């Protein structure tokens, strides 16, 4: 059976870049680590494997970013589609984690964004550990990919 769930994709941009992001148009991205909240209704691991590839058709907002930055990894959480928005609202409340682009990845919900930038000087490991502990009740508890 193919599992469904939500994930946080970790993308590193080694340099600033301006990208055209589908209907959002041109957007500027600073150098740094980005966290993207997404979900898959079936085939969670297949979705994550797709995000890790550079050579792919650009379908989702995140595809524009992953084709320019290195995808470092992901945390996977089994659950319903709503978990994606819960992850985004959790990240929005973490000090040192900033909303990156309004409307990015959130065109099908009421969230401000599903893409966040980890500020310089904020250890990525602490942010990821916080997510793991916040969602520890979920089966898989934030399995690292």
C-alpha atoms as a PDB file:
ATOM      1  CA  UNK A   1       0.000   0.000   0.000  1.00  0.00           C
ATOM      2  CA  UNK A   2       1.270   3.454  -0.895  1.00  0.00           C
ATOM      3  CA  UNK A   3       1.407   5.732   2.113  1.00  0.00           C
ATOM      4  CA  UNK A   4       0.004   9.234   2.254  1.00  0.00           C
ATOM      5  CA  UNK A   5       1.271  12.026   4.425  1.00  0.00           C
ATOM      6  CA  UNK A   6       3.075  15.313   4.647  1.00  0.00           C
ATOM      7  CA  UNK A   7       6.690  16.310   4.474  1.00  0.00           C
ATOM      8  CA  UNK A   8       9.155  19.116   5.003  1.00  0.00           C
ATOM      9  CA  UNK A   9      11.620  19.359   2.141  1.00  0.00           C
ATOM     10  CA  UNK A  10      15.014  20.909   2.935  1.00  0.00           C
ATOM     11  CA  UNK A  11      16.528  22.899   0.059  1.00  0.00           C
ATOM     12  CA  UNK A  12      19.822  24.796   0.097  1.00  0.00           C
ATOM     13  CA  UNK A  13      20.396  27.699  -2.274  1.00  0.00           C
ATOM     14  CA  UNK A  14      24.150  28.384  -2.515  1.00  0.00           C
ATOM     15  CA  UNK A  15      23.615  31.869  -3.994  1.00  0.00           C
ATOM     16  CA  UNK A  16      20.791  34.396  -4.394  1.00  0.00           C
ATOM     17  CA  UNK A  17      18.602  33.858  -7.450  1.00  0.00           C
ATOM     18  CA  UNK A  18      15.501  35.336  -9.076  1.00  0.00           C
ATOM     19  CA  UNK A  19      13.143  32.717 -10.497  1.00  0.00           C
ATOM     20  CA  UNK A  20       9.850  32.804 -12.339  1.00  0.00           C
ATOM     21  CA  UNK A  21       7.562  30.696 -10.149  1.00  0.00           C
ATOM     22  CA  UNK A  22       4.525  29.788 -12.213  1.00  0.00           C
ATOM     23  CA  UNK A  23       1.553  32.083 -11.607  1.00  0.00           C
ATOM     24  CA  UNK A  24       3.445  33.881  -8.812  1.00  0.00           C
ATOM     25  CA  UNK A  25       5.757  35.408 -11.426  1.00  0.00           C
ATOM     26  CA  UNK A  26       9.367  36.442 -10.761  1.00  0.00           C
ATOM     27  CA  UNK A  27      10.475  36.038  -7.149  1.00  0.00           C
ATOM     28  CA  UNK A  28      13.837  36.682  -5.493  1.00  0.00           C
ATOM     29  CA  UNK A  29      15.364  34.090  -3.181  1.00  0.00           C
ATOM     30  CA  UNK A  30      18.253  34.744  -0.810  1.00  0.00           C
ATOM     31  CA  UNK A  31      21.090  32.317  -0.267  1.00  0.00           C
ATOM     32  CA  UNK A  32      20.343  29.862   2.540  1.00  0.00           C
ATOM     33  CA  UNK A  33      18.274  26.933   3.736  1.00  0.00           C
ATOM     34  CA  UNK A  34      14.604  26.762   2.797  1.00  0.00           C
ATOM     35  CA  UNK A  35      11.948  24.505   4.298  1.00  0.00           C
ATOM     36  CA  UNK A  36       8.965  23.597   2.147  1.00  0.00           C
ATOM     37  CA  UNK A  37       5.817  21.938   3.521  1.00  0.00           C
ATOM     38  CA  UNK A  38       4.004  19.614   1.140  1.00  0.00           C
ATOM     39  CA  UNK A  39       1.815  16.530   1.066  1.00  0.00           C
ATOM     40  CA  UNK A  40       1.099  13.459  -1.024  1.00  0.00           C
ATOM     41  CA  UNK A  41      -2.275  11.728  -0.967  1.00  0.00           C
ATOM     42  CA  UNK A  42      -0.604   8.506  -2.095  1.00  0.00           C
ATOM     43  CA  UNK A  43       2.987   7.617  -2.784  1.00  0.00           C
ATOM     44  CA  UNK A  44       4.712   9.817  -0.212  1.00  0.00           C
ATOM     45  CA  UNK A  45       8.146   8.310  -0.818  1.00  0.00           C
ATOM     46  CA  UNK A  46       7.703   8.581  -4.599  1.00  0.00           C
ATOM     47  CA  UNK A  47       6.846  12.268  -4.223  1.00  0.00           C
ATOM     48  CA  UNK A  48       9.967  12.865  -2.149  1.00  0.00           C
ATOM     49  CA  UNK A  49      12.118  10.989  -4.671  1.00  0.00           C
ATOM     50  CA  UNK A  50      10.712  13.223  -7.416  1.00  0.00           C
ATOM     51  CA  UNK A  51      11.571  16.352  -5.444  1.00  0.00           C
ATOM     52  CA  UNK A  52      15.158  15.132  -5.084  1.00  0.00           C
ATOM     53  CA  UNK A  53      15.614  14.966  -8.876  1.00  0.00           C
ATOM     54  CA  UNK A  54      16.836  18.043 -10.742  1.00  0.00           C
ATOM     55  CA  UNK A  55      15.708  16.876 -14.180  1.00  0.00           C
ATOM     56  CA  UNK A  56      11.912  17.019 -14.055  1.00  0.00           C
ATOM     57  CA  UNK A  57       8.939  18.861 -15.475  1.00  0.00           C
ATOM     58  CA  UNK A  58       8.130  21.918 -13.392  1.00  0.00           C
ATOM     59  CA  UNK A  59       4.645  21.261 -12.096  1.00  0.00           C
ATOM     60  CA  UNK A  60       4.560  22.621  -8.519  1.00  0.00           C
ATOM     61  CA  UNK A  61       5.980  25.878  -7.164  1.00  0.00           C
ATOM     62  CA  UNK A  62       8.720  23.959  -5.340  1.00  0.00           C
ATOM     63  CA  UNK A  63       9.962  22.460  -8.635  1.00  0.00           C
ATOM     64  CA  UNK A  64      11.261  25.883  -9.668  1.00  0.00           C
ATOM     65  CA  UNK A  65      13.373  26.083  -6.514  1.00  0.00           C
ATOM     66  CA  UNK A  66      14.640  22.493  -6.419  1.00  0.00           C
ATOM     67  CA  UNK A  67      15.922  22.810  -9.992  1.00  0.00           C
ATOM     68  CA  UNK A  68      18.244  25.635  -8.831  1.00  0.00           C
ATOM     69  CA  UNK A  69      19.121  24.592  -5.301  1.00  0.00           C
ATOM     70  CA  UNK A  70      20.372  21.386  -3.828  1.00  0.00           C
ATOM     71  CA  UNK A  71      17.716  19.342  -2.072  1.00  0.00           C
ATOM     72  CA  UNK A  72      19.418  18.351   1.163  1.00  0.00           C
ATOM     73  CA  UNK A  73      16.767  16.008   2.533  1.00  0.00           C
ATOM     74  CA  UNK A  74      13.293  15.759   3.999  1.00  0.00           C
ATOM     75  CA  UNK A  75      11.257  14.849   7.039  1.00  0.00           C
ATOM     76  CA  UNK A  76       8.251  12.631   6.302  1.00  0.00           C
ATOM     77  CA  UNK A  77       5.123  12.456   8.455  1.00  0.00           C
ATOM     78  CA  UNK A  78       2.287  10.025   7.807  1.00  0.00           C
ATOM     79  CA  UNK A  79      -1.084  11.645   8.167  1.00  0.00           C
ATOM     80  CA  UNK A  80      -3.818  13.527   6.360  1.00  0.00           C
ATOM     81  CA  UNK A  81      -3.399  16.401   3.900  1.00  0.00           C
ATOM     82  CA  UNK A  82      -4.121  18.854   6.733  1.00  0.00           C
ATOM     83  CA  UNK A  83      -0.776  17.902   8.295  1.00  0.00           C
ATOM     84  CA  UNK A  84       0.882  19.970   5.542  1.00  0.00           C
ATOM     85  CA  UNK A  85      -0.776  23.138   6.876  1.00  0.00           C
ATOM     86  CA  UNK A  86      -0.053  22.164  10.491  1.00  0.00           C
ATOM     87  CA  UNK A  87       3.635  21.867   9.586  1.00  0.00           C
ATOM     88  CA  UNK A  88       3.527  25.292   7.904  1.00  0.00           C
ATOM     89  CA  UNK A  89       1.844  26.958  10.894  1.00  0.00           C
ATOM     90  CA  UNK A  90       4.366  25.320  13.223  1.00  0.00           C
ATOM     91  CA  UNK A  91       7.299  26.618  11.163  1.00  0.00           C
ATOM     92  CA  UNK A  92       5.726  30.090  11.034  1.00  0.00           C
ATOM     93  CA  UNK A  93       5.873  30.211  14.845  1.00  0.00           C
ATOM     94  CA  UNK A  94       9.554  29.211  15.154  1.00  0.00           C
ATOM     95  CA  UNK A  95      11.877  32.139  15.978  1.00  0.00           C
ATOM     96  CA  UNK A  96      14.439  32.575  13.219  1.00  0.00           C
ATOM     97  CA  UNK A  97      12.281  30.917  10.558  1.00  0.00           C
ATOM     98  CA  UNK A  98      10.767  33.435   8.134  1.00  0.00           C
ATOM     99  CA  UNK A  99       7.997  33.179   5.533  1.00  0.00           C
ATOM    100  CA  UNK A 100       9.872  33.252   2.211  1.00  0.00           C
ATOM    101  CA  UNK A 101       7.322  33.979  -0.553  1.00  0.00           C
ATOM    102  CA  UNK A 102       3.636  34.702  -0.007  1.00  0.00           C
ATOM    103  CA  UNK A 103       1.412  32.167  -1.786  1.00  0.00           C
ATOM    104  CA  UNK A 104       4.259  29.713  -2.449  1.00  0.00           C
ATOM    105  CA  UNK A 105       2.831  26.191  -2.293  1.00  0.00           C
ATOM    106  CA  UNK A 106      -0.345  27.411  -0.613  1.00  0.00           C
ATOM    107  CA  UNK A 107      -2.669  28.120  -3.529  1.00  0.00           C
ATOM    108  CA  UNK A 108      -5.031  25.331  -2.395  1.00  0.00           C
ATOM    109  CA  UNK A 109      -5.362  26.399   1.260  1.00  0.00           C
ATOM    110  CA  UNK A 110      -5.579  29.487   3.446  1.00  0.00           C
ATOM    111  CA  UNK A 111      -1.937  29.535   4.581  1.00  0.00           C
ATOM    112  CA  UNK A 112       0.250  32.575   3.884  1.00  0.00           C
ATOM    113  CA  UNK A 113       2.987  30.319   2.483  1.00  0.00           C
ATOM    114  CA  UNK A 114       4.417  26.817   2.660  1.00  0.00           C
ATOM    115  CA  UNK A 115       8.008  27.996   2.038  1.00  0.00           C
ATOM    116  CA  UNK A 116      10.218  29.274   4.844  1.00  0.00           C
ATOM    117  CA  UNK A 117      13.773  30.602   5.073  1.00  0.00           C
ATOM    118  CA  UNK A 118      15.938  29.693   8.051  1.00  0.00           C
ATOM    119  CA  UNK A 119      17.778  32.866   9.085  1.00  0.00           C
ATOM    120  CA  UNK A 120      21.575  32.935   9.079  1.00  0.00           C
ATOM    121  CA  UNK A 121      22.908  31.857  12.450  1.00  0.00           C
ATOM    122  CA  UNK A 122      19.906  29.680  13.291  1.00  0.00           C
ATOM    123  CA  UNK A 123      21.033  26.032  13.391  1.00  0.00           C
ATOM    124  CA  UNK A 124      18.976  24.006  10.932  1.00  0.00           C
ATOM    125  CA  UNK A 125      19.307  20.954  13.185  1.00  0.00           C
ATOM    126  CA  UNK A 126      17.477  22.734  16.024  1.00  0.00           C
ATOM    127  CA  UNK A 127      14.570  23.674  13.744  1.00  0.00           C
ATOM    128  CA  UNK A 128      14.312  20.100  12.428  1.00  0.00           C
ATOM    129  CA  UNK A 129      14.514  18.629  15.941  1.00  0.00           C
ATOM    130  CA  UNK A 130      11.702  20.976  16.996  1.00  0.00           C
ATOM    131  CA  UNK A 131       9.533  19.704  14.116  1.00  0.00           C
ATOM    132  CA  UNK A 132      10.288  16.089  14.997  1.00  0.00           C
ATOM    133  CA  UNK A 133       9.315  16.639  18.629  1.00  0.00           C
ATOM    134  CA  UNK A 134       6.200  18.666  17.738  1.00  0.00           C
ATOM    135  CA  UNK A 135       4.905  15.899  15.498  1.00  0.00           C
ATOM    136  CA  UNK A 136       6.237  12.919  17.453  1.00  0.00           C
ATOM    137  CA  UNK A 137       2.737  11.509  17.920  1.00  0.00           C
ATOM    138  CA  UNK A 138       2.509  10.872  14.188  1.00  0.00           C
ATOM    139  CA  UNK A 139       3.453   7.417  12.968  1.00  0.00           C
ATOM    140  CA  UNK A 140       6.958   7.666  11.553  1.00  0.00           C
ATOM    141  CA  UNK A 141       7.537  10.700  13.801  1.00  0.00           C
ATOM    142  CA  UNK A 142       9.399  12.685  11.211  1.00  0.00           C
ATOM    143  CA  UNK A 143      11.507  10.117   9.468  1.00  0.00           C
ATOM    144  CA  UNK A 144      14.553  11.717   7.863  1.00  0.00           C
ATOM    145  CA  UNK A 145      15.109  11.000   4.205  1.00  0.00           C
END
